[in-house]
Amino acid sequence: YIDANGYSVRVGNTDLATVYRLSVVNQDSDTVLMAL
């Protein structure tokens, strides 16, 4: 699963595919997966 066709964010009973995106952010001492 390599893009938004294969994965998305869900909270409880709410599918957030249309209003959230997943992004990998490189930081100085870490790499963080964010739901934006």
PDB file of all heavy atoms in Angstrom:
ATOM      1  N   TYR A   1       0.870  -1.168   0.000  1.00  0.00           N
ATOM      2  CA  TYR A   1       0.000   0.000   0.000  1.00  0.00           C
ATOM      3  C   TYR A   1       0.916   1.229   0.000  1.00  0.00           C
ATOM      4  O   TYR A   1       1.644   1.458   0.971  1.00  0.00           O
ATOM      5  CB  TYR A   1      -0.904  -0.003   1.222  1.00  0.00           C
ATOM      6  CG  TYR A   1      -1.611  -1.334   1.432  1.00  0.00           C
ATOM      7  CD1 TYR A   1      -1.005  -2.372   2.141  1.00  0.00           C
ATOM      8  CD2 TYR A   1      -2.880  -1.557   0.907  1.00  0.00           C
ATOM      9  CE1 TYR A   1      -1.650  -3.596   2.321  1.00  0.00           C
ATOM     10  CE2 TYR A   1      -3.537  -2.768   1.084  1.00  0.00           C
ATOM     11  CZ  TYR A   1      -2.903  -3.779   1.787  1.00  0.00           C
ATOM     12  OH  TYR A   1      -3.544  -4.986   1.956  1.00  0.00           O
ATOM     13  N   ILE A   2       0.908   1.991  -1.094  1.00  0.00           N
ATOM     14  CA  ILE A   2       1.923   3.023  -1.266  1.00  0.00           C
ATOM     15  C   ILE A   2       1.360   4.434  -1.459  1.00  0.00           C
ATOM     16  O   ILE A   2       2.135   5.371  -1.604  1.00  0.00           O
ATOM     17  CB  ILE A   2       2.856   2.678  -2.448  1.00  0.00           C
ATOM     18  CG1 ILE A   2       2.054   2.549  -3.746  1.00  0.00           C
ATOM     19  CG2 ILE A   2       3.633   1.405  -2.161  1.00  0.00           C
ATOM     20  CD1 ILE A   2       2.920   2.339  -4.986  1.00  0.00           C
ATOM     21  N   ASP A   3       0.038   4.588  -1.475  1.00  0.00           N
ATOM     22  CA  ASP A   3      -0.529   5.921  -1.634  1.00  0.00           C
ATOM     23  C   ASP A   3      -1.935   5.957  -1.041  1.00  0.00           C
ATOM     24  O   ASP A   3      -2.383   4.989  -0.410  1.00  0.00           O
ATOM     25  CB  ASP A   3      -0.546   6.350  -3.104  1.00  0.00           C
ATOM     26  CG  ASP A   3      -1.281   5.369  -4.012  1.00  0.00           C
ATOM     27  OD1 ASP A   3      -2.225   4.701  -3.531  1.00  0.00           O
ATOM     28  OD2 ASP A   3      -0.918   5.262  -5.195  1.00  0.00           O
ATOM     29  N   ALA A   4      -2.632   7.086  -1.254  1.00  0.00           N
ATOM     30  CA  ALA A   4      -3.948   7.276  -0.639  1.00  0.00           C
ATOM     31  C   ALA A   4      -4.997   6.309  -1.163  1.00  0.00           C
ATOM     32  O   ALA A   4      -6.067   6.184  -0.570  1.00  0.00           O
ATOM     33  CB  ALA A   4      -4.413   8.716  -0.850  1.00  0.00           C
ATOM     34  N   ASN A   5      -4.748   5.630  -2.277  1.00  0.00           N
ATOM     35  CA  ASN A   5      -5.671   4.587  -2.732  1.00  0.00           C
ATOM     36  C   ASN A   5      -5.605   3.359  -1.836  1.00  0.00           C
ATOM     37  O   ASN A   5      -6.548   2.572  -1.785  1.00  0.00           O
ATOM     38  CB  ASN A   5      -5.354   4.178  -4.172  1.00  0.00           C
ATOM     39  CG  ASN A   5      -5.678   5.266  -5.167  1.00  0.00           C
ATOM     40  OD1 ASN A   5      -6.684   5.946  -5.036  1.00  0.00           O
ATOM     41  ND2 ASN A   5      -4.821   5.451  -6.151  1.00  0.00           N
ATOM     42  N   GLY A   6      -4.498   3.189  -1.132  1.00  0.00           N
ATOM     43  CA  GLY A   6      -4.301   2.002  -0.317  1.00  0.00           C
ATOM     44  C   GLY A   6      -4.449   2.220   1.172  1.00  0.00           C
ATOM     45  O   GLY A   6      -4.644   1.257   1.915  1.00  0.00           O
ATOM     46  N   TYR A   7      -4.363   3.483   1.641  1.00  0.00           N
ATOM     47  CA  TYR A   7      -4.478   3.733   3.079  1.00  0.00           C
ATOM     48  C   TYR A   7      -5.089   5.105   3.334  1.00  0.00           C
ATOM     49  O   TYR A   7      -5.054   5.998   2.487  1.00  0.00           O
ATOM     50  CB  TYR A   7      -3.116   3.610   3.766  1.00  0.00           C
ATOM     51  CG  TYR A   7      -1.996   4.420   3.135  1.00  0.00           C
ATOM     52  CD1 TYR A   7      -1.986   5.816   3.154  1.00  0.00           C
ATOM     53  CD2 TYR A   7      -0.917   3.779   2.533  1.00  0.00           C
ATOM     54  CE1 TYR A   7      -0.956   6.544   2.587  1.00  0.00           C
ATOM     55  CE2 TYR A   7       0.119   4.495   1.956  1.00  0.00           C
ATOM     56  CZ  TYR A   7       0.094   5.882   1.992  1.00  0.00           C
ATOM     57  OH  TYR A   7       1.112   6.598   1.417  1.00  0.00           O
ATOM     58  N   SER A   8      -5.659   5.253   4.524  1.00  0.00           N
ATOM     59  CA  SER A   8      -6.235   6.532   4.933  1.00  0.00           C
ATOM     60  C   SER A   8      -6.387   6.538   6.450  1.00  0.00           C
ATOM     61  O   SER A   8      -6.095   5.547   7.121  1.00  0.00           O
ATOM     62  CB  SER A   8      -7.592   6.773   4.253  1.00  0.00           C
ATOM     63  OG  SER A   8      -8.521   5.766   4.596  1.00  0.00           O
ATOM     64  N   VAL A   9      -6.867   7.659   6.971  1.00  0.00           N
ATOM     65  CA  VAL A   9      -7.036   7.842   8.418  1.00  0.00           C
ATOM     66  C   VAL A   9      -8.488   7.589   8.807  1.00  0.00           C
ATOM     67  O   VAL A   9      -9.417   7.960   8.093  1.00  0.00           O
ATOM     68  CB  VAL A   9      -6.633   9.273   8.832  1.00  0.00           C
ATOM     69  CG1 VAL A   9      -6.798   9.473  10.346  1.00  0.00           C
ATOM     70  CG2 VAL A   9      -5.197   9.562   8.416  1.00  0.00           C
ATOM     71  N   ARG A  10      -8.678   6.943   9.936  1.00  0.00           N
ATOM     72  CA  ARG A  10     -10.019   6.751  10.497  1.00  0.00           C
ATOM     73  C   ARG A  10      -9.944   6.963  12.008  1.00  0.00           C
ATOM     74  O   ARG A  10      -9.016   6.487  12.664  1.00  0.00           O
ATOM     75  CB  ARG A  10     -10.547   5.339  10.194  1.00  0.00           C
ATOM     76  CG  ARG A  10     -11.993   5.112  10.660  1.00  0.00           C
ATOM     77  CD  ARG A  10     -12.441   3.689  10.375  1.00  0.00           C
ATOM     78  NE  ARG A  10     -13.803   3.440  10.807  1.00  0.00           N
ATOM     79  CZ  ARG A  10     -14.866   3.376  10.018  1.00  0.00           C
ATOM     80  NH1 ARG A  10     -14.724   3.549   8.708  1.00  0.00           N
ATOM     81  NH2 ARG A  10     -16.073   3.155  10.488  1.00  0.00           N
ATOM     82  N   VAL A  11     -10.956   7.669  12.545  1.00  0.00           N
ATOM     83  CA  VAL A  11     -11.087   7.854  13.993  1.00  0.00           C
ATOM     84  C   VAL A  11     -12.483   7.413  14.394  1.00  0.00           C
ATOM     85  O   VAL A  11     -13.477   7.963  13.909  1.00  0.00           O
ATOM     86  CB  VAL A  11     -10.850   9.315  14.410  1.00  0.00           C
ATOM     87  CG1 VAL A  11     -11.111   9.489  15.903  1.00  0.00           C
ATOM     88  CG2 VAL A  11      -9.418   9.746  14.085  1.00  0.00           C
ATOM     89  N   GLY A  12     -12.574   6.397  15.231  1.00  0.00           N
ATOM     90  CA  GLY A  12     -13.873   5.882  15.649  1.00  0.00           C
ATOM     91  C   GLY A  12     -14.670   5.405  14.447  1.00  0.00           C
ATOM     92  O   GLY A  12     -14.191   4.621  13.628  1.00  0.00           O
ATOM     93  N   ASN A  13     -15.886   5.904  14.299  1.00  0.00           N
ATOM     94  CA  ASN A  13     -16.749   5.516  13.182  1.00  0.00           C
ATOM     95  C   ASN A  13     -16.609   6.424  11.963  1.00  0.00           C
ATOM     96  O   ASN A  13     -17.386   6.309  11.016  1.00  0.00           O
ATOM     97  CB  ASN A  13     -18.217   5.529  13.646  1.00  0.00           C
ATOM     98  CG  ASN A  13     -18.510   4.451  14.664  1.00  0.00           C
ATOM     99  OD1 ASN A  13     -17.939   3.369  14.598  1.00  0.00           O
ATOM    100  ND2 ASN A  13     -19.385   4.751  15.612  1.00  0.00           N
ATOM    101  N   THR A  14     -15.613   7.306  11.983  1.00  0.00           N
ATOM    102  CA  THR A  14     -15.480   8.303  10.933  1.00  0.00           C
ATOM    103  C   THR A  14     -14.309   8.022  10.009  1.00  0.00           C
ATOM    104  O   THR A  14     -13.160   7.992  10.441  1.00  0.00           O
ATOM    105  CB  THR A  14     -15.316   9.709  11.546  1.00  0.00           C
ATOM    106  OG1 THR A  14     -16.388   9.953  12.458  1.00  0.00           O
ATOM    107  CG2 THR A  14     -15.330  10.772  10.470  1.00  0.00           C
ATOM    108  N   ASP A  15     -14.604   7.823   8.729  1.00  0.00           N
ATOM    109  CA  ASP A  15     -13.585   7.671   7.697  1.00  0.00           C
ATOM    110  C   ASP A  15     -13.151   9.070   7.269  1.00  0.00           C
ATOM    111  O   ASP A  15     -13.962   9.862   6.804  1.00  0.00           O
ATOM    112  CB  ASP A  15     -14.176   6.892   6.517  1.00  0.00           C
ATOM    113  CG  ASP A  15     -13.147   6.539   5.465  1.00  0.00           C
ATOM    114  OD1 ASP A  15     -12.355   7.423   5.090  1.00  0.00           O
ATOM    115  OD2 ASP A  15     -13.127   5.383   4.997  1.00  0.00           O
ATOM    116  N   LEU A  16     -11.867   9.375   7.423  1.00  0.00           N
ATOM    117  CA  LEU A  16     -11.364  10.724   7.178  1.00  0.00           C
ATOM    118  C   LEU A  16     -10.592  10.837   5.860  1.00  0.00           C
ATOM    119  O   LEU A  16      -9.814  11.775   5.680  1.00  0.00           O
ATOM    120  CB  LEU A  16     -10.472  11.158   8.345  1.00  0.00           C
ATOM    121  CG  LEU A  16     -11.170  11.231   9.706  1.00  0.00           C
ATOM    122  CD1 LEU A  16     -10.149  11.408  10.821  1.00  0.00           C
ATOM    123  CD2 LEU A  16     -12.184  12.354   9.732  1.00  0.00           C
ATOM    124  N   ALA A  17     -10.804   9.906   4.948  1.00  0.00           N
ATOM    125  CA  ALA A  17     -10.030   9.876   3.702  1.00  0.00           C
ATOM    126  C   ALA A  17     -10.150  11.168   2.906  1.00  0.00           C
ATOM    127  O   ALA A  17      -9.192  11.571   2.230  1.00  0.00           O
ATOM    128  CB  ALA A  17     -10.459   8.690   2.850  1.00  0.00           C
ATOM    129  N   THR A  18     -11.300  11.839   2.945  1.00  0.00           N
ATOM    130  CA  THR A  18     -11.501  13.039   2.132  1.00  0.00           C
ATOM    131  C   THR A  18     -11.010  14.318   2.800  1.00  0.00           C
ATOM    132  O   THR A  18     -10.923  15.351   2.138  1.00  0.00           O
ATOM    133  CB  THR A  18     -12.991  13.212   1.787  1.00  0.00           C
ATOM    134  OG1 THR A  18     -13.740  13.362   3.000  1.00  0.00           O
ATOM    135  CG2 THR A  18     -13.506  12.009   0.996  1.00  0.00           C
ATOM    136  N   VAL A  19     -10.702  14.265   4.090  1.00  0.00           N
ATOM    137  CA  VAL A  19     -10.319  15.492   4.798  1.00  0.00           C
ATOM    138  C   VAL A  19      -8.983  15.391   5.532  1.00  0.00           C
ATOM    139  O   VAL A  19      -8.579  16.336   6.198  1.00  0.00           O
ATOM    140  CB  VAL A  19     -11.424  15.909   5.797  1.00  0.00           C
ATOM    141  CG1 VAL A  19     -12.671  16.351   5.055  1.00  0.00           C
ATOM    142  CG2 VAL A  19     -11.756  14.790   6.774  1.00  0.00           C
ATOM    143  N   TYR A  20      -8.303  14.265   5.417  1.00  0.00           N
ATOM    144  CA  TYR A  20      -6.980  14.101   6.036  1.00  0.00           C
ATOM    145  C   TYR A  20      -6.029  13.447   5.049  1.00  0.00           C
ATOM    146  O   TYR A  20      -6.434  12.623   4.230  1.00  0.00           O
ATOM    147  CB  TYR A  20      -7.069  13.220   7.285  1.00  0.00           C
ATOM    148  CG  TYR A  20      -7.202  13.997   8.577  1.00  0.00           C
ATOM    149  CD1 TYR A  20      -8.442  14.455   8.998  1.00  0.00           C
ATOM    150  CD2 TYR A  20      -6.093  14.279   9.370  1.00  0.00           C
ATOM    151  CE1 TYR A  20      -8.577  15.178  10.177  1.00  0.00           C
ATOM    152  CE2 TYR A  20      -6.212  14.995  10.549  1.00  0.00           C
ATOM    153  CZ  TYR A  20      -7.456  15.438  10.949  1.00  0.00           C
ATOM    154  OH  TYR A  20      -7.573  16.153  12.110  1.00  0.00           O
ATOM    155  N   ARG A  21      -4.754  13.798   5.142  1.00  0.00           N
ATOM    156  CA  ARG A  21      -3.723  13.118   4.375  1.00  0.00           C
ATOM    157  C   ARG A  21      -2.619  12.667   5.334  1.00  0.00           C
ATOM    158  O   ARG A  21      -2.405  13.271   6.397  1.00  0.00           O
ATOM    159  CB  ARG A  21      -3.134  14.031   3.292  1.00  0.00           C
ATOM    160  CG  ARG A  21      -2.405  15.257   3.823  1.00  0.00           C
ATOM    161  CD  ARG A  21      -1.908  16.136   2.691  1.00  0.00           C
ATOM    162  NE  ARG A  21      -1.304  17.369   3.197  1.00  0.00           N
ATOM    163  CZ  ARG A  21      -0.016  17.485   3.520  1.00  0.00           C
ATOM    164  NH1 ARG A  21       0.802  16.439   3.400  1.00  0.00           N
ATOM    165  NH2 ARG A  21       0.463  18.640   3.963  1.00  0.00           N
ATOM    166  N   LEU A  22      -1.921  11.612   4.951  1.00  0.00           N
ATOM    167  CA  LEU A  22      -0.812  11.096   5.746  1.00  0.00           C
ATOM    168  C   LEU A  22       0.493  11.553   5.120  1.00  0.00           C
ATOM    169  O   LEU A  22       0.694  11.402   3.911  1.00  0.00           O
ATOM    170  CB  LEU A  22      -0.884   9.568   5.817  1.00  0.00           C
ATOM    171  CG  LEU A  22      -2.018   9.042   6.697  1.00  0.00           C
ATOM    172  CD1 LEU A  22      -2.412   7.624   6.310  1.00  0.00           C
ATOM    173  CD2 LEU A  22      -1.598   9.084   8.170  1.00  0.00           C
ATOM    174  N   SER A  23       1.373  12.112   5.928  1.00  0.00           N
ATOM    175  CA  SER A  23       2.619  12.669   5.420  1.00  0.00           C
ATOM    176  C   SER A  23       3.773  12.292   6.340  1.00  0.00           C
ATOM    177  O   SER A  23       3.643  12.337   7.567  1.00  0.00           O
ATOM    178  CB  SER A  23       2.505  14.196   5.328  1.00  0.00           C
ATOM    179  OG  SER A  23       3.691  14.769   4.836  1.00  0.00           O
ATOM    180  N   VAL A  24       4.892  11.897   5.734  1.00  0.00           N
ATOM    181  CA  VAL A  24       6.106  11.575   6.497  1.00  0.00           C
ATOM    182  C   VAL A  24       6.975  12.825   6.539  1.00  0.00           C
ATOM    183  O   VAL A  24       7.335  13.379   5.491  1.00  0.00           O
ATOM    184  CB  VAL A  24       6.877  10.403   5.863  1.00  0.00           C
ATOM    185  CG1 VAL A  24       8.171  10.147   6.625  1.00  0.00           C
ATOM    186  CG2 VAL A  24       6.011   9.143   5.862  1.00  0.00           C
ATOM    187  N   VAL A  25       7.306  13.275   7.741  1.00  0.00           N
ATOM    188  CA  VAL A  25       8.062  14.509   7.944  1.00  0.00           C
ATOM    189  C   VAL A  25       9.413  14.173   8.549  1.00  0.00           C
ATOM    190  O   VAL A  25       9.493  13.568   9.628  1.00  0.00           O
ATOM    191  CB  VAL A  25       7.288  15.471   8.866  1.00  0.00           C
ATOM    192  CG1 VAL A  25       8.075  16.767   9.064  1.00  0.00           C
ATOM    193  CG2 VAL A  25       5.902  15.762   8.306  1.00  0.00           C
ATOM    194  N   ASN A  26      10.486  14.548   7.871  1.00  0.00           N
ATOM    195  CA  ASN A  26      11.838  14.303   8.381  1.00  0.00           C
ATOM    196  C   ASN A  26      12.230  15.417   9.336  1.00  0.00           C
ATOM    197  O   ASN A  26      12.184  16.597   8.981  1.00  0.00           O
ATOM    198  CB  ASN A  26      12.838  14.230   7.228  1.00  0.00           C
ATOM    199  CG  ASN A  26      12.605  13.033   6.324  1.00  0.00           C
ATOM    200  OD1 ASN A  26      12.297  11.955   6.801  1.00  0.00           O
ATOM    201  ND2 ASN A  26      12.740  13.224   5.024  1.00  0.00           N
ATOM    202  N   GLN A  27      12.620  15.036  10.545  1.00  0.00           N
ATOM    203  CA  GLN A  27      13.083  15.992  11.539  1.00  0.00           C
ATOM    204  C   GLN A  27      14.566  15.755  11.813  1.00  0.00           C
ATOM    205  O   GLN A  27      15.159  14.821  11.292  1.00  0.00           O
ATOM    206  CB  GLN A  27      12.260  15.861  12.826  1.00  0.00           C
ATOM    207  CG  GLN A  27      10.780  16.151  12.623  1.00  0.00           C
ATOM    208  CD  GLN A  27       9.979  16.042  13.901  1.00  0.00           C
ATOM    209  OE1 GLN A  27      10.448  15.485  14.902  1.00  0.00           O
ATOM    210  NE2 GLN A  27       8.759  16.557  13.884  1.00  0.00           N
ATOM    211  N   ASP A  28      15.171  16.591  12.663  1.00  0.00           N
ATOM    212  CA  ASP A  28      16.603  16.479  12.930  1.00  0.00           C
ATOM    213  C   ASP A  28      16.975  15.133  13.544  1.00  0.00           C
ATOM    214  O   ASP A  28      17.955  14.508  13.150  1.00  0.00           O
ATOM    215  CB  ASP A  28      17.058  17.611  13.864  1.00  0.00           C
ATOM    216  CG  ASP A  28      16.991  18.978  13.178  1.00  0.00           C
ATOM    217  OD1 ASP A  28      17.038  19.002  11.932  1.00  0.00           O
ATOM    218  OD2 ASP A  28      16.889  19.989  13.884  1.00  0.00           O
ATOM    219  N   SER A  29      16.196  14.679  14.506  1.00  0.00           N
ATOM    220  CA  SER A  29      16.553  13.461  15.222  1.00  0.00           C
ATOM    221  C   SER A  29      15.496  12.377  15.111  1.00  0.00           C
ATOM    222  O   SER A  29      15.537  11.396  15.845  1.00  0.00           O
ATOM    223  CB  SER A  29      16.787  13.783  16.708  1.00  0.00           C
ATOM    224  OG  SER A  29      15.627  14.368  17.283  1.00  0.00           O
ATOM    225  N   ASP A  30      14.545  12.542  14.194  1.00  0.00           N
ATOM    226  CA  ASP A  30      13.450  11.581  14.078  1.00  0.00           C
ATOM    227  C   ASP A  30      12.768  11.762  12.727  1.00  0.00           C
ATOM    228  O   ASP A  30      12.949  12.771  12.058  1.00  0.00           O
ATOM    229  CB  ASP A  30      12.429  11.810  15.207  1.00  0.00           C
ATOM    230  CG  ASP A  30      11.669  10.550  15.582  1.00  0.00           C
ATOM    231  OD1 ASP A  30      11.796   9.543  14.855  1.00  0.00           O
ATOM    232  OD2 ASP A  30      10.952  10.560  16.594  1.00  0.00           O
ATOM    233  N   THR A  31      11.994  10.774  12.329  1.00  0.00           N
ATOM    234  CA  THR A  31      11.124  10.876  11.161  1.00  0.00           C
ATOM    235  C   THR A  31       9.721  10.549  11.644  1.00  0.00           C
ATOM    236  O   THR A  31       9.508   9.499  12.258  1.00  0.00           O
ATOM    237  CB  THR A  31      11.563   9.904  10.047  1.00  0.00           C
ATOM    238  OG1 THR A  31      12.896  10.237   9.641  1.00  0.00           O
ATOM    239  CG2 THR A  31      10.643  10.000   8.851  1.00  0.00           C
ATOM    240  N   VAL A  32       8.775  11.438  11.374  1.00  0.00           N
ATOM    241  CA  VAL A  32       7.453  11.360  11.997  1.00  0.00           C
ATOM    242  C   VAL A  32       6.379  11.201  10.929  1.00  0.00           C
ATOM    243  O   VAL A  32       6.395  11.877   9.900  1.00  0.00           O
ATOM    244  CB  VAL A  32       7.171  12.628  12.840  1.00  0.00           C
ATOM    245  CG1 VAL A  32       5.803  12.545  13.504  1.00  0.00           C
ATOM    246  CG2 VAL A  32       8.253  12.811  13.886  1.00  0.00           C
ATOM    247  N   LEU A  33       5.432  10.288  11.180  1.00  0.00           N
ATOM    248  CA  LEU A  33       4.255  10.132  10.331  1.00  0.00           C
ATOM    249  C   LEU A  33       3.143  10.989  10.913  1.00  0.00           C
ATOM    250  O   LEU A  33       2.731  10.798  12.052  1.00  0.00           O
ATOM    251  CB  LEU A  33       3.824   8.665  10.274  1.00  0.00           C
ATOM    252  CG  LEU A  33       2.527   8.361   9.512  1.00  0.00           C
ATOM    253  CD1 LEU A  33       2.644   8.771   8.048  1.00  0.00           C
ATOM    254  CD2 LEU A  33       2.168   6.882   9.628  1.00  0.00           C
ATOM    255  N   MET A  34       2.650  11.953  10.108  1.00  0.00           N
ATOM    256  CA  MET A  34       1.628  12.880  10.559  1.00  0.00           C
ATOM    257  C   MET A  34       0.322  12.661   9.804  1.00  0.00           C
ATOM    258  O   MET A  34       0.318  12.350   8.612  1.00  0.00           O
ATOM    259  CB  MET A  34       2.084  14.325  10.325  1.00  0.00           C
ATOM    260  CG  MET A  34       3.332  14.743  11.075  1.00  0.00           C
ATOM    261  SD  MET A  34       3.046  14.902  12.852  1.00  0.00           S
ATOM    262  CE  MET A  34       1.824  16.208  12.899  1.00  0.00           C
ATOM    263  N   ALA A  35      -0.795  12.828  10.509  1.00  0.00           N
ATOM    264  CA  ALA A  35      -2.113  12.909   9.885  1.00  0.00           C
ATOM    265  C   ALA A  35      -2.485  14.383   9.872  1.00  0.00           C
ATOM    266  O   ALA A  35      -2.639  15.006  10.933  1.00  0.00           O
ATOM    267  CB  ALA A  35      -3.134  12.099  10.671  1.00  0.00           C
ATOM    268  N   LEU A  36      -2.600  14.963   8.665  1.00  0.00           N
ATOM    269  CA  LEU A  36      -2.781  16.399   8.524  1.00  0.00           C
ATOM    270  C   LEU A  36      -4.134  16.720   7.900  1.00  0.00           C
ATOM    271  O   LEU A  36      -4.485  16.154   6.857  1.00  0.00           O
ATOM    272  CB  LEU A  36      -1.668  16.980   7.646  1.00  0.00           C
ATOM    273  CG  LEU A  36      -0.236  16.716   8.137  1.00  0.00           C
ATOM    274  CD1 LEU A  36       0.765  17.188   7.096  1.00  0.00           C
ATOM    275  CD2 LEU A  36       0.012  17.405   9.474  1.00  0.00           C
TER     276      LEU A  36
END
